[in-house]
Amino acid sequence: MRRYALPLIMLILAGALQGYLPSWMVIRGARPDFLMVVVIATSLTLDPLSGGILGFLGGIIHGSIVGEGVGSFIVSRTIIGFVAGSVTIRFFSDNPVVPVLAAGVLTFSGEALFLLANPVADLGSSLNVLLIKSLYNSLLTLIIFWFLRWMEVRRKIKMAEARL
């Protein structure tokens, strides 16, 4: 149970930060999606089912913040969390390239799913913003992923010391 406490706390904090995103963090119209970053980064450290559940919760939080398209947020984030959890099983997750590539591809895929459910008038501009957002989320995911790995190693060291 304690293993899931940190991802849930991070998800709640990401939701709070997403709701009050500073304007200086917006790059060419693209704003980082902290909730998706937390879902991807934490799902990479969990199994597919837990990743899907975390994505579901992230979708509810994000939909509640935006106030519209709640169902689209829930479905896209649940799929992203599940797929990110599956990436951990399929690939070597300690390789720093895996979280960066996974975050970029999964952000692009998740936002594309969202755009399919909620079409926009200017698709070209939306795709440009989506590419920048994918790069932004990739870098943020790398930072959060390594933080979570560090916390996990720290927890295991404490458990080993307690046994001695």
N, C-alpha and C. Protein backbone atom coordinates (compact mmCIF):
# COMPACT_ATOMS: atom_id res chain seq x y z
N MET A 1 0.82 -1.20 0.00
CA MET A 1 0.00 0.00 0.00
C MET A 1 0.86 1.26 0.00
N ARG A 2 1.98 1.20 0.73
CA ARG A 2 2.85 2.38 0.79
C ARG A 2 3.47 2.68 -0.57
N ARG A 3 3.59 1.63 -1.41
CA ARG A 3 4.17 1.82 -2.74
C ARG A 3 3.29 2.71 -3.60
N TYR A 4 1.99 2.69 -3.36
CA TYR A 4 1.06 3.47 -4.16
C TYR A 4 0.78 4.85 -3.56
N ALA A 5 1.24 5.10 -2.36
CA ALA A 5 0.98 6.39 -1.71
C ALA A 5 1.69 7.52 -2.43
N LEU A 6 2.96 7.34 -2.77
CA LEU A 6 3.72 8.41 -3.43
C LEU A 6 3.13 8.76 -4.80
N PRO A 7 2.79 7.78 -5.67
CA PRO A 7 2.16 8.15 -6.93
C PRO A 7 0.84 8.90 -6.76
N LEU A 8 0.04 8.51 -5.78
CA LEU A 8 -1.22 9.22 -5.55
C LEU A 8 -0.99 10.64 -5.07
N ILE A 9 -0.04 10.82 -4.18
CA ILE A 9 0.28 12.17 -3.70
C ILE A 9 0.81 13.03 -4.85
N MET A 10 1.67 12.43 -5.68
CA MET A 10 2.21 13.16 -6.82
C MET A 10 1.11 13.52 -7.81
N LEU A 11 0.14 12.65 -7.98
CA LEU A 11 -0.97 12.92 -8.89
C LEU A 11 -1.80 14.09 -8.39
N ILE A 12 -2.06 14.14 -7.10
CA ILE A 12 -2.83 15.24 -6.53
C ILE A 12 -2.06 16.56 -6.65
N LEU A 13 -0.76 16.51 -6.37
CA LEU A 13 0.07 17.72 -6.50
C LEU A 13 0.15 18.18 -7.96
N ALA A 14 0.25 17.23 -8.88
CA ALA A 14 0.28 17.58 -10.30
C ALA A 14 -1.04 18.23 -10.73
N GLY A 15 -2.14 17.74 -10.18
CA GLY A 15 -3.44 18.35 -10.47
C GLY A 15 -3.51 19.78 -9.97
N ALA A 16 -2.99 20.01 -8.79
CA ALA A 16 -2.98 21.37 -8.25
C ALA A 16 -2.09 22.28 -9.09
N LEU A 17 -0.94 21.77 -9.50
CA LEU A 17 -0.02 22.57 -10.31
C LEU A 17 -0.60 22.81 -11.70
N GLN A 18 -1.28 21.81 -12.25
CA GLN A 18 -1.90 21.95 -13.57
C GLN A 18 -2.98 23.03 -13.56
N GLY A 19 -3.70 23.11 -12.47
CA GLY A 19 -4.76 24.10 -12.38
C GLY A 19 -4.24 25.52 -12.28
N TYR A 20 -3.04 25.69 -11.76
CA TYR A 20 -2.46 27.02 -11.57
C TYR A 20 -1.12 27.11 -12.27
N LEU A 21 -1.08 26.74 -13.54
CA LEU A 21 0.15 26.71 -14.31
C LEU A 21 0.64 28.13 -14.58
N PRO A 22 1.89 28.43 -14.22
CA PRO A 22 2.42 29.76 -14.49
C PRO A 22 2.56 30.01 -15.99
N SER A 23 2.36 31.24 -16.41
CA SER A 23 2.38 31.58 -17.83
C SER A 23 3.78 31.44 -18.44
N TRP A 24 4.84 31.54 -17.65
CA TRP A 24 6.19 31.43 -18.19
C TRP A 24 6.53 30.00 -18.61
N MET A 25 5.71 29.03 -18.22
CA MET A 25 5.96 27.64 -18.59
C MET A 25 5.36 27.29 -19.96
N VAL A 26 4.62 28.20 -20.55
CA VAL A 26 4.00 27.95 -21.85
C VAL A 26 5.02 28.27 -22.94
N ILE A 27 5.27 27.30 -23.82
CA ILE A 27 6.22 27.48 -24.92
C ILE A 27 5.47 27.36 -26.24
N ARG A 28 5.37 28.45 -26.98
CA ARG A 28 4.70 28.49 -28.28
C ARG A 28 3.30 27.89 -28.23
N GLY A 29 2.57 28.19 -27.20
CA GLY A 29 1.21 27.71 -27.05
C GLY A 29 1.08 26.35 -26.38
N ALA A 30 2.19 25.67 -26.17
CA ALA A 30 2.17 24.34 -25.56
C ALA A 30 2.47 24.47 -24.07
N ARG A 31 1.61 23.90 -23.29
CA ARG A 31 1.82 23.88 -21.85
C ARG A 31 2.05 22.44 -21.41
N PRO A 32 2.93 22.26 -20.45
CA PRO A 32 3.18 20.88 -19.99
C PRO A 32 1.94 20.30 -19.33
N ASP A 33 1.75 19.03 -19.52
CA ASP A 33 0.63 18.33 -18.91
C ASP A 33 1.18 17.53 -17.73
N PHE A 34 1.22 18.17 -16.57
CA PHE A 34 1.82 17.55 -15.39
C PHE A 34 1.11 16.27 -14.99
N LEU A 35 -0.20 16.24 -15.16
CA LEU A 35 -0.94 15.02 -14.81
C LEU A 35 -0.53 13.85 -15.71
N MET A 36 -0.38 14.11 -17.00
CA MET A 36 0.03 13.03 -17.89
C MET A 36 1.47 12.62 -17.59
N VAL A 37 2.32 13.57 -17.27
CA VAL A 37 3.70 13.26 -16.93
C VAL A 37 3.75 12.34 -15.71
N VAL A 38 2.97 12.66 -14.70
CA VAL A 38 2.95 11.82 -13.49
C VAL A 38 2.37 10.45 -13.80
N VAL A 39 1.32 10.41 -14.60
CA VAL A 39 0.72 9.11 -14.97
C VAL A 39 1.75 8.25 -15.71
N ILE A 40 2.44 8.83 -16.68
CA ILE A 40 3.41 8.06 -17.46
C ILE A 40 4.59 7.64 -16.59
N ALA A 41 5.16 8.60 -15.87
CA ALA A 41 6.36 8.30 -15.08
C ALA A 41 6.08 7.26 -14.00
N THR A 42 4.96 7.39 -13.31
CA THR A 42 4.66 6.43 -12.26
C THR A 42 4.20 5.09 -12.82
N SER A 43 3.50 5.11 -13.94
CA SER A 43 3.07 3.85 -14.55
C SER A 43 4.25 3.06 -15.07
N LEU A 44 5.33 3.75 -15.45
CA LEU A 44 6.54 3.05 -15.88
C LEU A 44 7.18 2.28 -14.73
N THR A 45 6.85 2.65 -13.50
CA THR A 45 7.40 1.93 -12.34
C THR A 45 6.42 0.92 -11.78
N LEU A 46 5.21 0.84 -12.36
CA LEU A 46 4.17 -0.06 -11.86
C LEU A 46 3.81 -1.10 -12.92
N ASP A 47 2.88 -1.96 -12.59
CA ASP A 47 2.38 -2.95 -13.53
C ASP A 47 1.26 -2.33 -14.38
N PRO A 48 0.83 -2.98 -15.47
CA PRO A 48 -0.20 -2.39 -16.34
C PRO A 48 -1.52 -2.07 -15.64
N LEU A 49 -2.00 -2.96 -14.77
CA LEU A 49 -3.27 -2.70 -14.08
C LEU A 49 -3.18 -1.47 -13.19
N SER A 50 -2.11 -1.37 -12.41
CA SER A 50 -1.95 -0.20 -11.54
C SER A 50 -1.77 1.07 -12.37
N GLY A 51 -1.06 0.96 -13.49
CA GLY A 51 -0.90 2.10 -14.39
C GLY A 51 -2.24 2.56 -14.95
N GLY A 52 -3.08 1.60 -15.32
CA GLY A 52 -4.41 1.94 -15.83
C GLY A 52 -5.28 2.61 -14.77
N ILE A 53 -5.20 2.12 -13.54
CA ILE A 53 -5.96 2.74 -12.45
C ILE A 53 -5.47 4.15 -12.17
N LEU A 54 -4.15 4.32 -12.18
CA LEU A 54 -3.58 5.65 -11.97
C LEU A 54 -3.98 6.59 -13.11
N GLY A 55 -3.97 6.08 -14.34
CA GLY A 55 -4.41 6.88 -15.48
C GLY A 55 -5.88 7.26 -15.37
N PHE A 56 -6.70 6.34 -14.89
CA PHE A 56 -8.12 6.63 -14.68
C PHE A 56 -8.30 7.77 -13.69
N LEU A 57 -7.57 7.70 -12.57
CA LEU A 57 -7.65 8.77 -11.56
C LEU A 57 -7.12 10.08 -12.12
N GLY A 58 -6.04 10.01 -12.90
CA GLY A 58 -5.50 11.21 -13.53
C GLY A 58 -6.49 11.83 -14.51
N GLY A 59 -7.21 10.98 -15.24
CA GLY A 59 -8.24 11.48 -16.17
C GLY A 59 -9.38 12.16 -15.45
N ILE A 60 -9.79 11.59 -14.32
CA ILE A 60 -10.85 12.23 -13.53
C ILE A 60 -10.40 13.59 -13.02
N ILE A 61 -9.18 13.65 -12.50
CA ILE A 61 -8.67 14.92 -11.97
C ILE A 61 -8.55 15.95 -13.09
N HIS A 62 -7.97 15.55 -14.24
CA HIS A 62 -7.78 16.49 -15.33
C HIS A 62 -9.12 16.96 -15.89
N GLY A 63 -10.05 16.04 -16.06
CA GLY A 63 -11.37 16.43 -16.54
C GLY A 63 -12.09 17.35 -15.58
N SER A 64 -11.88 17.15 -14.29
CA SER A 64 -12.49 18.03 -13.29
C SER A 64 -11.89 19.43 -13.33
N ILE A 65 -10.60 19.51 -13.59
CA ILE A 65 -9.94 20.82 -13.67
C ILE A 65 -10.43 21.59 -14.89
N VAL A 66 -10.47 20.90 -16.05
CA VAL A 66 -10.86 21.56 -17.29
C VAL A 66 -12.36 21.83 -17.30
N GLY A 67 -13.14 20.89 -16.82
CA GLY A 67 -14.57 21.09 -16.73
C GLY A 67 -15.35 20.58 -17.93
N GLU A 68 -14.67 20.10 -18.95
CA GLU A 68 -15.36 19.54 -20.11
C GLU A 68 -14.52 18.39 -20.67
N GLY A 69 -15.16 17.51 -21.41
CA GLY A 69 -14.45 16.38 -21.98
C GLY A 69 -13.95 15.40 -20.94
N VAL A 70 -14.66 15.27 -19.83
CA VAL A 70 -14.21 14.41 -18.74
C VAL A 70 -14.06 12.96 -19.22
N GLY A 71 -15.02 12.48 -19.97
CA GLY A 71 -14.95 11.11 -20.46
C GLY A 71 -13.75 10.88 -21.36
N SER A 72 -13.44 11.86 -22.20
CA SER A 72 -12.29 11.74 -23.10
C SER A 72 -10.99 11.72 -22.30
N PHE A 73 -10.91 12.54 -21.27
CA PHE A 73 -9.72 12.53 -20.42
C PHE A 73 -9.57 11.18 -19.72
N ILE A 74 -10.66 10.65 -19.20
CA ILE A 74 -10.61 9.38 -18.47
C ILE A 74 -10.15 8.25 -19.40
N VAL A 75 -10.76 8.15 -20.57
CA VAL A 75 -10.42 7.06 -21.49
C VAL A 75 -8.98 7.18 -21.97
N SER A 76 -8.58 8.37 -22.41
CA SER A 76 -7.22 8.52 -22.96
C SER A 76 -6.16 8.30 -21.88
N ARG A 77 -6.38 8.82 -20.68
CA ARG A 77 -5.38 8.66 -19.61
C ARG A 77 -5.32 7.22 -19.09
N THR A 78 -6.46 6.53 -19.07
CA THR A 78 -6.47 5.13 -18.65
C THR A 78 -5.68 4.28 -19.63
N ILE A 79 -5.88 4.50 -20.91
CA ILE A 79 -5.13 3.75 -21.93
C ILE A 79 -3.64 4.06 -21.81
N ILE A 80 -3.30 5.33 -21.63
CA ILE A 80 -1.90 5.73 -21.52
C ILE A 80 -1.25 5.08 -20.29
N GLY A 81 -1.93 5.09 -19.16
CA GLY A 81 -1.39 4.46 -17.95
C GLY A 81 -1.18 2.97 -18.13
N PHE A 82 -2.14 2.31 -18.77
CA PHE A 82 -2.02 0.86 -18.99
C PHE A 82 -0.87 0.54 -19.93
N VAL A 83 -0.76 1.30 -21.02
CA VAL A 83 0.32 1.07 -21.98
C VAL A 83 1.67 1.37 -21.34
N ALA A 84 1.76 2.43 -20.55
CA ALA A 84 3.03 2.75 -19.88
C ALA A 84 3.43 1.64 -18.91
N GLY A 85 2.46 1.07 -18.21
CA GLY A 85 2.76 -0.07 -17.34
C GLY A 85 3.22 -1.28 -18.13
N SER A 86 2.68 -1.45 -19.34
CA SER A 86 3.09 -2.56 -20.19
C SER A 86 4.49 -2.35 -20.75
N VAL A 87 4.87 -1.10 -20.98
CA VAL A 87 6.21 -0.80 -21.48
C VAL A 87 7.26 -1.30 -20.49
N THR A 88 6.97 -1.17 -19.22
CA THR A 88 7.91 -1.62 -18.18
C THR A 88 8.15 -3.11 -18.29
N ILE A 89 7.12 -3.85 -18.59
CA ILE A 89 7.25 -5.30 -18.70
C ILE A 89 8.00 -5.69 -19.96
N ARG A 90 7.78 -4.97 -21.05
CA ARG A 90 8.36 -5.32 -22.35
C ARG A 90 9.80 -4.86 -22.53
N PHE A 91 10.15 -3.72 -21.95
CA PHE A 91 11.47 -3.13 -22.17
C PHE A 91 12.22 -2.99 -20.85
N PHE A 92 13.49 -2.77 -20.96
CA PHE A 92 14.34 -2.56 -19.80
C PHE A 92 14.08 -1.15 -19.29
N SER A 93 13.41 -1.01 -18.16
CA SER A 93 12.94 0.30 -17.72
C SER A 93 14.01 1.13 -17.01
N ASP A 94 15.17 0.56 -16.70
CA ASP A 94 16.23 1.36 -16.09
C ASP A 94 17.02 2.15 -17.12
N ASN A 95 16.82 1.86 -18.38
CA ASN A 95 17.46 2.59 -19.44
C ASN A 95 16.82 3.98 -19.54
N PRO A 96 17.58 5.07 -19.45
CA PRO A 96 16.97 6.40 -19.45
C PRO A 96 16.29 6.77 -20.77
N VAL A 97 16.58 6.05 -21.84
CA VAL A 97 15.95 6.34 -23.11
C VAL A 97 14.48 5.89 -23.09
N VAL A 98 14.19 4.80 -22.37
CA VAL A 98 12.83 4.25 -22.35
C VAL A 98 11.81 5.26 -21.81
N PRO A 99 12.02 5.88 -20.64
CA PRO A 99 11.00 6.83 -20.18
C PRO A 99 10.86 8.05 -21.08
N VAL A 100 11.96 8.51 -21.66
CA VAL A 100 11.89 9.70 -22.53
C VAL A 100 11.09 9.37 -23.79
N LEU A 101 11.43 8.27 -24.45
CA LEU A 101 10.69 7.89 -25.66
C LEU A 101 9.25 7.52 -25.34
N ALA A 102 9.06 6.79 -24.26
CA ALA A 102 7.70 6.39 -23.88
C ALA A 102 6.84 7.62 -23.60
N ALA A 103 7.39 8.59 -22.89
CA ALA A 103 6.62 9.79 -22.58
C ALA A 103 6.26 10.57 -23.83
N GLY A 104 7.21 10.70 -24.75
CA GLY A 104 6.93 11.42 -26.00
C GLY A 104 5.86 10.74 -26.83
N VAL A 105 6.03 9.43 -27.02
CA VAL A 105 5.08 8.67 -27.83
C VAL A 105 3.72 8.60 -27.14
N LEU A 106 3.72 8.34 -25.84
CA LEU A 106 2.45 8.21 -25.13
C LEU A 106 1.72 9.55 -25.00
N THR A 107 2.45 10.64 -24.83
CA THR A 107 1.81 11.95 -24.80
C THR A 107 1.17 12.24 -26.14
N PHE A 108 1.92 12.02 -27.20
CA PHE A 108 1.37 12.25 -28.54
C PHE A 108 0.15 11.38 -28.79
N SER A 109 0.24 10.10 -28.43
CA SER A 109 -0.88 9.16 -28.64
C SER A 109 -2.09 9.55 -27.81
N GLY A 110 -1.85 9.88 -26.54
CA GLY A 110 -2.96 10.25 -25.66
C GLY A 110 -3.67 11.52 -26.12
N GLU A 111 -2.89 12.50 -26.52
CA GLU A 111 -3.51 13.74 -27.00
C GLU A 111 -4.19 13.54 -28.35
N ALA A 112 -3.64 12.65 -29.19
CA ALA A 112 -4.29 12.34 -30.45
C ALA A 112 -5.63 11.64 -30.20
N LEU A 113 -5.67 10.72 -29.23
CA LEU A 113 -6.94 10.10 -28.84
C LEU A 113 -7.94 11.15 -28.37
N PHE A 114 -7.43 12.09 -27.57
CA PHE A 114 -8.30 13.14 -27.07
C PHE A 114 -8.82 14.01 -28.22
N LEU A 115 -7.96 14.32 -29.20
CA LEU A 115 -8.39 15.13 -30.34
C LEU A 115 -9.39 14.40 -31.22
N LEU A 116 -9.29 13.07 -31.28
CA LEU A 116 -10.28 12.30 -32.03
C LEU A 116 -11.66 12.42 -31.40
N ALA A 117 -11.70 12.43 -30.08
CA ALA A 117 -12.98 12.53 -29.37
C ALA A 117 -13.48 13.97 -29.32
N ASN A 118 -12.56 14.93 -29.34
CA ASN A 118 -12.92 16.36 -29.27
C ASN A 118 -12.20 17.11 -30.39
N PRO A 119 -12.72 17.03 -31.62
CA PRO A 119 -12.03 17.65 -32.76
C PRO A 119 -11.93 19.17 -32.62
N VAL A 120 -10.87 19.73 -33.22
CA VAL A 120 -10.65 21.17 -33.21
C VAL A 120 -10.69 21.69 -34.64
N ALA A 121 -10.88 23.00 -34.79
CA ALA A 121 -10.98 23.60 -36.11
C ALA A 121 -9.63 23.65 -36.81
N ASP A 122 -8.59 24.07 -36.11
CA ASP A 122 -7.26 24.24 -36.71
C ASP A 122 -6.37 23.06 -36.34
N LEU A 123 -6.38 22.03 -37.17
CA LEU A 123 -5.63 20.81 -36.89
C LEU A 123 -4.13 21.02 -36.99
N GLY A 124 -3.67 21.83 -37.94
CA GLY A 124 -2.23 22.07 -38.11
C GLY A 124 -1.61 22.72 -36.90
N SER A 125 -2.26 23.72 -36.37
CA SER A 125 -1.76 24.39 -35.17
C SER A 125 -1.79 23.45 -33.96
N SER A 126 -2.83 22.64 -33.88
CA SER A 126 -2.95 21.69 -32.78
C SER A 126 -1.84 20.65 -32.83
N LEU A 127 -1.48 20.19 -34.02
CA LEU A 127 -0.40 19.21 -34.14
C LEU A 127 0.95 19.81 -33.77
N ASN A 128 1.16 21.09 -34.13
CA ASN A 128 2.40 21.78 -33.74
C ASN A 128 2.51 21.87 -32.22
N VAL A 129 1.43 22.27 -31.58
CA VAL A 129 1.42 22.37 -30.12
C VAL A 129 1.60 20.99 -29.51
N LEU A 130 1.01 19.98 -30.12
CA LEU A 130 1.11 18.61 -29.62
C LEU A 130 2.55 18.09 -29.66
N LEU A 131 3.28 18.41 -30.71
CA LEU A 131 4.68 17.98 -30.80
C LEU A 131 5.53 18.65 -29.72
N ILE A 132 5.33 19.94 -29.52
CA ILE A 132 6.08 20.65 -28.48
C ILE A 132 5.72 20.10 -27.11
N LYS A 133 4.43 19.84 -26.90
CA LYS A 133 3.97 19.29 -25.62
C LYS A 133 4.57 17.91 -25.36
N SER A 134 4.71 17.11 -26.41
CA SER A 134 5.30 15.78 -26.28
C SER A 134 6.77 15.87 -25.85
N LEU A 135 7.51 16.80 -26.44
CA LEU A 135 8.91 16.99 -26.06
C LEU A 135 9.01 17.49 -24.63
N TYR A 136 8.16 18.44 -24.28
CA TYR A 136 8.13 19.02 -22.93
C TYR A 136 7.87 17.91 -21.91
N ASN A 137 6.85 17.11 -22.16
CA ASN A 137 6.49 16.04 -21.23
C ASN A 137 7.57 14.97 -21.15
N SER A 138 8.30 14.73 -22.24
CA SER A 138 9.39 13.75 -22.22
C SER A 138 10.46 14.16 -21.22
N LEU A 139 10.85 15.41 -21.26
CA LEU A 139 11.89 15.88 -20.33
C LEU A 139 11.40 15.84 -18.89
N LEU A 140 10.17 16.26 -18.65
CA LEU A 140 9.64 16.24 -17.29
C LEU A 140 9.47 14.81 -16.78
N THR A 141 9.10 13.89 -17.66
CA THR A 141 8.94 12.49 -17.27
C THR A 141 10.27 11.90 -16.84
N LEU A 142 11.33 12.24 -17.54
CA LEU A 142 12.65 11.73 -17.17
C LEU A 142 13.01 12.13 -15.74
N ILE A 143 12.75 13.37 -15.40
CA ILE A 143 13.05 13.87 -14.05
C ILE A 143 12.22 13.13 -13.00
N ILE A 144 10.93 13.03 -13.23
CA ILE A 144 10.05 12.38 -12.26
C ILE A 144 10.32 10.88 -12.17
N PHE A 145 10.60 10.24 -13.31
CA PHE A 145 10.90 8.81 -13.32
C PHE A 145 12.12 8.50 -12.47
N TRP A 146 13.17 9.27 -12.64
CA TRP A 146 14.39 9.03 -11.86
C TRP A 146 14.18 9.33 -10.39
N PHE A 147 13.35 10.32 -10.08
CA PHE A 147 13.02 10.60 -8.68
C PHE A 147 12.30 9.40 -8.06
N LEU A 148 11.34 8.83 -8.79
CA LEU A 148 10.61 7.67 -8.28
C LEU A 148 11.53 6.46 -8.12
N ARG A 149 12.44 6.27 -9.05
CA ARG A 149 13.39 5.17 -8.94
C ARG A 149 14.28 5.36 -7.71
N TRP A 150 14.72 6.60 -7.49
CA TRP A 150 15.56 6.89 -6.33
C TRP A 150 14.80 6.60 -5.04
N MET A 151 13.53 6.98 -4.99
CA MET A 151 12.70 6.71 -3.80
C MET A 151 12.52 5.22 -3.59
N GLU A 152 12.35 4.46 -4.66
CA GLU A 152 12.18 3.01 -4.56
C GLU A 152 13.46 2.34 -4.04
N VAL A 153 14.60 2.76 -4.55
CA VAL A 153 15.87 2.21 -4.08
C VAL A 153 16.09 2.56 -2.61
N ARG A 154 15.76 3.77 -2.26
CA ARG A 154 15.89 4.21 -0.86
C ARG A 154 15.01 3.37 0.06
N ARG A 155 13.78 3.08 -0.39
CA ARG A 155 12.85 2.26 0.39
C ARG A 155 13.40 0.85 0.57
N LYS A 156 13.97 0.29 -0.49
CA LYS A 156 14.52 -1.06 -0.41
C LYS A 156 15.73 -1.12 0.51
N ILE A 157 16.54 -0.08 0.50
CA ILE A 157 17.70 -0.04 1.39
C ILE A 157 17.25 0.01 2.85
N LYS A 158 16.23 0.80 3.15
CA LYS A 158 15.69 0.87 4.50
C LYS A 158 15.15 -0.48 4.94
N MET A 159 14.46 -1.17 4.04
CA MET A 159 13.92 -2.48 4.39
C MET A 159 15.04 -3.48 4.66
N ALA A 160 16.11 -3.41 3.86
CA ALA A 160 17.24 -4.31 4.06
C ALA A 160 17.95 -4.02 5.37
N GLU A 161 18.10 -2.74 5.71
CA GLU A 161 18.74 -2.37 6.97
C GLU A 161 17.89 -2.79 8.16
N ALA A 162 16.58 -2.77 8.01
CA ALA A 162 15.70 -3.16 9.10
C ALA A 162 15.80 -4.66 9.39
N ARG A 163 16.13 -5.43 8.39
CA ARG A 163 16.26 -6.89 8.57
C ARG A 163 17.56 -7.26 9.28
N LEU A 164 18.57 -6.39 9.17
CA LEU A 164 19.86 -6.69 9.81
C LEU A 164 19.78 -6.50 11.24
